[in-house]
Amino acid sequence: MLLDLLADVGPPIQPTPATDDRAVAMHWYEALQDQGIEGIIAKRGSASYPAGRRGWMKIRHTNTENALVVGYTGPRLRPRHLALTVDEWAPVQLSARLEPVLARRIGAALSGAVVVGERRAQEETYTRVETGLVVEVLAGSGRHGTLTVVRMR
């Protein structure tokens, strides 16, 4: 019904193609990258649009890289940001705010880390820890170069 309603409207309002066929979605994901499409959105067809939160996932064309966790801001068991280094010569950078589920998982992994004091990065104080924890971050992510943590390694 929505497609019928928008049929004669035209840009800047236009319907977004949708499919429930995974093969078609994967074809779009691969084929449309050269046109500058950053990725696709995945949502269960039967799922509603809950108010105030998203019920879908963005699947972007991105490269990732590993970063060593050297600290965190906020409470240890639910850190808000991670202090990260992408390589041993790079300065420490703070990540974008962690998603709640990921923050809990990382917090559990940090629970036994040895605290070695406080440091500063990007004008914010973080708790420095010694840990071998590595996370995957989006390469060149964020509008201001902020590292976006995707998952723990």
C-alpha atoms as a PDB file:
ATOM      1  CA  MET A   1       0.000   0.000   0.000  1.00  0.00           C
ATOM      2  CA  LEU A   2       2.858   2.364   0.804  1.00  0.00           C
ATOM      3  CA  LEU A   3       4.464   1.771  -2.605  1.00  0.00           C
ATOM      4  CA  ASP A   4       1.150   2.580  -4.301  1.00  0.00           C
ATOM      5  CA  LEU A   5       0.813   5.730  -2.211  1.00  0.00           C
ATOM      6  CA  LEU A   6       4.317   6.942  -3.140  1.00  0.00           C
ATOM      7  CA  ALA A   7       4.158   5.941  -6.817  1.00  0.00           C
ATOM      8  CA  ASP A   8       3.545   9.488  -8.097  1.00  0.00           C
ATOM      9  CA  VAL A   9       5.392  11.469  -5.409  1.00  0.00           C
ATOM     10  CA  GLY A  10       8.992  11.355  -6.712  1.00  0.00           C
ATOM     11  CA  PRO A  11      12.233  12.650  -5.175  1.00  0.00           C
ATOM     12  CA  PRO A  12      13.219  13.604  -2.594  1.00  0.00           C
ATOM     13  CA  ILE A  13      10.704  11.117  -1.184  1.00  0.00           C
ATOM     14  CA  GLN A  14      11.034   7.700  -2.700  1.00  0.00           C
ATOM     15  CA  PRO A  15      10.486   4.136  -1.577  1.00  0.00           C
ATOM     16  CA  THR A  16      13.452   1.974  -0.714  1.00  0.00           C
ATOM     17  CA  PRO A  17      13.591  -1.418  -2.419  1.00  0.00           C
ATOM     18  CA  ALA A  18      12.750  -4.297  -0.090  1.00  0.00           C
ATOM     19  CA  THR A  19      12.912  -8.056  -0.372  1.00  0.00           C
ATOM     20  CA  ASP A  20      12.486 -11.114   1.781  1.00  0.00           C
ATOM     21  CA  ASP A  21      14.798 -13.097  -0.503  1.00  0.00           C
ATOM     22  CA  ARG A  22      18.290 -13.381   1.002  1.00  0.00           C
ATOM     23  CA  ALA A  23      19.910 -13.992  -2.414  1.00  0.00           C
ATOM     24  CA  VAL A  24      18.398 -10.774  -3.780  1.00  0.00           C
ATOM     25  CA  ALA A  25      19.512  -8.831  -0.698  1.00  0.00           C
ATOM     26  CA  MET A  26      23.071 -10.155  -1.036  1.00  0.00           C
ATOM     27  CA  HIS A  27      23.074  -9.243  -4.738  1.00  0.00           C
ATOM     28  CA  TRP A  28      22.009  -5.679  -3.870  1.00  0.00           C
ATOM     29  CA  TYR A  29      24.646  -5.537  -1.136  1.00  0.00           C
ATOM     30  CA  GLU A  30      27.420  -6.443  -3.600  1.00  0.00           C
ATOM     31  CA  ALA A  31      26.151  -4.747  -6.763  1.00  0.00           C
ATOM     32  CA  LEU A  32      25.170  -1.377  -5.315  1.00  0.00           C
ATOM     33  CA  GLN A  33      28.468  -0.654  -3.542  1.00  0.00           C
ATOM     34  CA  ASP A  34      29.949   0.872  -6.719  1.00  0.00           C
ATOM     35  CA  GLN A  35      27.045   3.338  -6.783  1.00  0.00           C
ATOM     36  CA  GLY A  36      27.956   4.614  -3.333  1.00  0.00           C
ATOM     37  CA  ILE A  37      25.333   2.679  -1.371  1.00  0.00           C
ATOM     38  CA  GLU A  38      26.887   2.160   2.067  1.00  0.00           C
ATOM     39  CA  GLY A  39      25.063  -1.083   2.813  1.00  0.00           C
ATOM     40  CA  ILE A  40      21.677  -2.618   3.504  1.00  0.00           C
ATOM     41  CA  ILE A  41      19.196  -2.744   6.361  1.00  0.00           C
ATOM     42  CA  ALA A  42      17.989  -6.104   7.680  1.00  0.00           C
ATOM     43  CA  LYS A  43      14.736  -6.500   9.607  1.00  0.00           C
ATOM     44  CA  ARG A  44      12.368  -9.364  10.165  1.00  0.00           C
ATOM     45  CA  GLY A  45       9.381  -8.884   7.915  1.00  0.00           C
ATOM     46  CA  SER A  46       6.990  -9.595  10.758  1.00  0.00           C
ATOM     47  CA  ALA A  47       8.727  -7.238  13.190  1.00  0.00           C
ATOM     48  CA  SER A  48       7.069  -3.965  14.128  1.00  0.00           C
ATOM     49  CA  TYR A  49       8.755  -0.568  14.332  1.00  0.00           C
ATOM     50  CA  PRO A  50       9.091  -0.105  18.113  1.00  0.00           C
ATOM     51  CA  ALA A  51       8.913   3.506  19.277  1.00  0.00           C
ATOM     52  CA  GLY A  52      12.192   4.992  20.461  1.00  0.00           C
ATOM     53  CA  ARG A  53      14.459   2.139  19.329  1.00  0.00           C
ATOM     54  CA  ARG A  54      15.496   0.295  16.238  1.00  0.00           C
ATOM     55  CA  GLY A  55      14.369  -3.181  15.411  1.00  0.00           C
ATOM     56  CA  TRP A  56      16.738  -3.612  12.494  1.00  0.00           C
ATOM     57  CA  MET A  57      20.464  -3.943  11.721  1.00  0.00           C
ATOM     58  CA  LYS A  58      22.676  -1.918   9.404  1.00  0.00           C
ATOM     59  CA  ILE A  59      25.022  -4.076   7.360  1.00  0.00           C
ATOM     60  CA  ARG A  60      27.656  -1.733   5.961  1.00  0.00           C
ATOM     61  CA  HIS A  61      30.470  -2.078   3.488  1.00  0.00           C
ATOM     62  CA  THR A  62      33.382  -1.542   5.807  1.00  0.00           C
ATOM     63  CA  ASN A  63      36.841  -2.731   6.526  1.00  0.00           C
ATOM     64  CA  THR A  64      37.765  -3.601  10.069  1.00  0.00           C
ATOM     65  CA  GLU A  65      40.981  -3.762  12.011  1.00  0.00           C
ATOM     66  CA  ASN A  66      42.044  -4.988  15.414  1.00  0.00           C
ATOM     67  CA  ALA A  67      42.728  -2.672  18.332  1.00  0.00           C
ATOM     68  CA  LEU A  68      44.228  -3.433  21.728  1.00  0.00           C
ATOM     69  CA  VAL A  69      42.169  -2.349  24.727  1.00  0.00           C
ATOM     70  CA  VAL A  70      44.386  -0.317  27.079  1.00  0.00           C
ATOM     71  CA  GLY A  71      41.663   1.266  29.196  1.00  0.00           C
ATOM     72  CA  TYR A  72      38.063   2.328  29.625  1.00  0.00           C
ATOM     73  CA  THR A  73      35.835   5.149  30.825  1.00  0.00           C
ATOM     74  CA  GLY A  74      32.910   4.682  33.168  1.00  0.00           C
ATOM     75  CA  PRO A  75      32.354   1.652  35.380  1.00  0.00           C
ATOM     76  CA  ARG A  76      34.579  -1.352  34.725  1.00  0.00           C
ATOM     77  CA  LEU A  77      31.686  -3.822  34.358  1.00  0.00           C
ATOM     78  CA  ARG A  78      29.830  -1.549  31.930  1.00  0.00           C
ATOM     79  CA  PRO A  79      32.369   0.712  30.250  1.00  0.00           C
ATOM     80  CA  ARG A  80      31.091   3.644  28.223  1.00  0.00           C
ATOM     81  CA  HIS A  81      34.147   3.968  25.969  1.00  0.00           C
ATOM     82  CA  LEU A  82      37.310   1.967  25.430  1.00  0.00           C
ATOM     83  CA  ALA A  83      40.801   3.417  25.250  1.00  0.00           C
ATOM     84  CA  LEU A  84      42.316   1.724  22.214  1.00  0.00           C
ATOM     85  CA  THR A  85      45.520   1.553  20.262  1.00  0.00           C
ATOM     86  CA  VAL A  86      45.458   0.303  16.687  1.00  0.00           C
ATOM     87  CA  ASP A  87      49.198  -0.234  16.619  1.00  0.00           C
ATOM     88  CA  GLU A  88      51.979   0.163  19.147  1.00  0.00           C
ATOM     89  CA  TRP A  89      53.130   3.517  17.734  1.00  0.00           C
ATOM     90  CA  ALA A  90      49.716   5.133  17.391  1.00  0.00           C
ATOM     91  CA  PRO A  91      48.313   7.397  20.107  1.00  0.00           C
ATOM     92  CA  VAL A  92      45.559   6.038  22.310  1.00  0.00           C
ATOM     93  CA  GLN A  93      42.059   6.871  21.036  1.00  0.00           C
ATOM     94  CA  LEU A  94      38.719   6.602  22.773  1.00  0.00           C
ATOM     95  CA  SER A  95      36.041   4.550  21.073  1.00  0.00           C
ATOM     96  CA  ALA A  96      32.534   5.677  20.326  1.00  0.00           C
ATOM     97  CA  ARG A  97      30.080   4.898  23.114  1.00  0.00           C
ATOM     98  CA  LEU A  98      29.641   1.144  23.454  1.00  0.00           C
ATOM     99  CA  GLU A  99      26.299  -0.523  22.835  1.00  0.00           C
ATOM    100  CA  PRO A 100      24.871  -1.886  26.130  1.00  0.00           C
ATOM    101  CA  VAL A 101      25.167  -5.603  25.299  1.00  0.00           C
ATOM    102  CA  LEU A 102      28.718  -5.183  24.028  1.00  0.00           C
ATOM    103  CA  ALA A 103      29.611  -3.067  27.078  1.00  0.00           C
ATOM    104  CA  ARG A 104      28.496  -5.887  29.407  1.00  0.00           C
ATOM    105  CA  ARG A 105      30.525  -8.482  27.497  1.00  0.00           C
ATOM    106  CA  ILE A 106      33.621  -6.322  27.460  1.00  0.00           C
ATOM    107  CA  GLY A 107      33.084  -5.416  31.121  1.00  0.00           C
ATOM    108  CA  ALA A 108      33.109  -9.106  32.028  1.00  0.00           C
ATOM    109  CA  ALA A 109      36.346  -9.534  30.071  1.00  0.00           C
ATOM    110  CA  LEU A 110      37.878  -6.520  31.861  1.00  0.00           C
ATOM    111  CA  SER A 111      36.850  -7.694  35.339  1.00  0.00           C
ATOM    112  CA  GLY A 112      40.219  -9.342  36.000  1.00  0.00           C
ATOM    113  CA  ALA A 113      42.405  -6.750  34.268  1.00  0.00           C
ATOM    114  CA  VAL A 114      45.128  -5.081  36.332  1.00  0.00           C
ATOM    115  CA  VAL A 115      44.561  -1.320  36.793  1.00  0.00           C
ATOM    116  CA  VAL A 116      47.754   0.674  36.276  1.00  0.00           C
ATOM    117  CA  GLY A 117      46.396   4.159  36.902  1.00  0.00           C
ATOM    118  CA  GLU A 118      44.624   6.904  35.045  1.00  0.00           C
ATOM    119  CA  ARG A 119      45.630   8.530  31.776  1.00  0.00           C
ATOM    120  CA  ARG A 120      44.154  11.053  29.375  1.00  0.00           C
ATOM    121  CA  ALA A 121      43.215  10.762  25.725  1.00  0.00           C
ATOM    122  CA  GLN A 122      41.262  13.254  23.651  1.00  0.00           C
ATOM    123  CA  GLU A 123      40.894  15.478  26.722  1.00  0.00           C
ATOM    124  CA  GLU A 124      39.133  12.758  28.736  1.00  0.00           C
ATOM    125  CA  THR A 125      40.416  10.688  31.651  1.00  0.00           C
ATOM    126  CA  TYR A 126      40.308   6.916  31.341  1.00  0.00           C
ATOM    127  CA  THR A 127      41.314   4.027  33.595  1.00  0.00           C
ATOM    128  CA  ARG A 128      44.454   2.403  32.203  1.00  0.00           C
ATOM    129  CA  VAL A 129      44.530  -1.412  32.390  1.00  0.00           C
ATOM    130  CA  GLU A 130      46.902  -4.174  31.375  1.00  0.00           C
ATOM    131  CA  THR A 131      44.999  -6.675  29.313  1.00  0.00           C
ATOM    132  CA  GLY A 132      45.471  -8.708  26.189  1.00  0.00           C
ATOM    133  CA  LEU A 133      41.902  -7.949  25.118  1.00  0.00           C
ATOM    134  CA  VAL A 134      41.598  -7.178  21.428  1.00  0.00           C
ATOM    135  CA  VAL A 135      38.491  -5.753  19.778  1.00  0.00           C
ATOM    136  CA  GLU A 136      37.491  -5.327  16.168  1.00  0.00           C
ATOM    137  CA  VAL A 137      36.840  -1.732  15.104  1.00  0.00           C
ATOM    138  CA  LEU A 138      35.546  -0.196  11.925  1.00  0.00           C
ATOM    139  CA  ALA A 139      38.490   1.182   9.969  1.00  0.00           C
ATOM    140  CA  GLY A 140      38.200   4.928   9.570  1.00  0.00           C
ATOM    141  CA  SER A 141      34.867   4.828  11.317  1.00  0.00           C
ATOM    142  CA  GLY A 142      33.030   7.798  12.640  1.00  0.00           C
ATOM    143  CA  ARG A 143      32.696  11.264  11.226  1.00  0.00           C
ATOM    144  CA  HIS A 144      35.457  12.537  13.475  1.00  0.00           C
ATOM    145  CA  GLY A 145      37.740   9.507  13.332  1.00  0.00           C
ATOM    146  CA  THR A 146      36.190   7.903  16.420  1.00  0.00           C
ATOM    147  CA  LEU A 147      36.750   4.163  16.537  1.00  0.00           C
ATOM    148  CA  THR A 148      33.530   2.149  16.548  1.00  0.00           C
ATOM    149  CA  VAL A 149      33.876  -1.187  18.330  1.00  0.00           C
ATOM    150  CA  VAL A 150      32.172  -4.009  16.450  1.00  0.00           C
ATOM    151  CA  ARG A 151      33.012  -6.991  18.671  1.00  0.00           C
ATOM    152  CA  MET A 152      35.573  -8.638  20.929  1.00  0.00           C
ATOM    153  CA  ARG A 153      38.130 -10.908  19.327  1.00  0.00           C
END
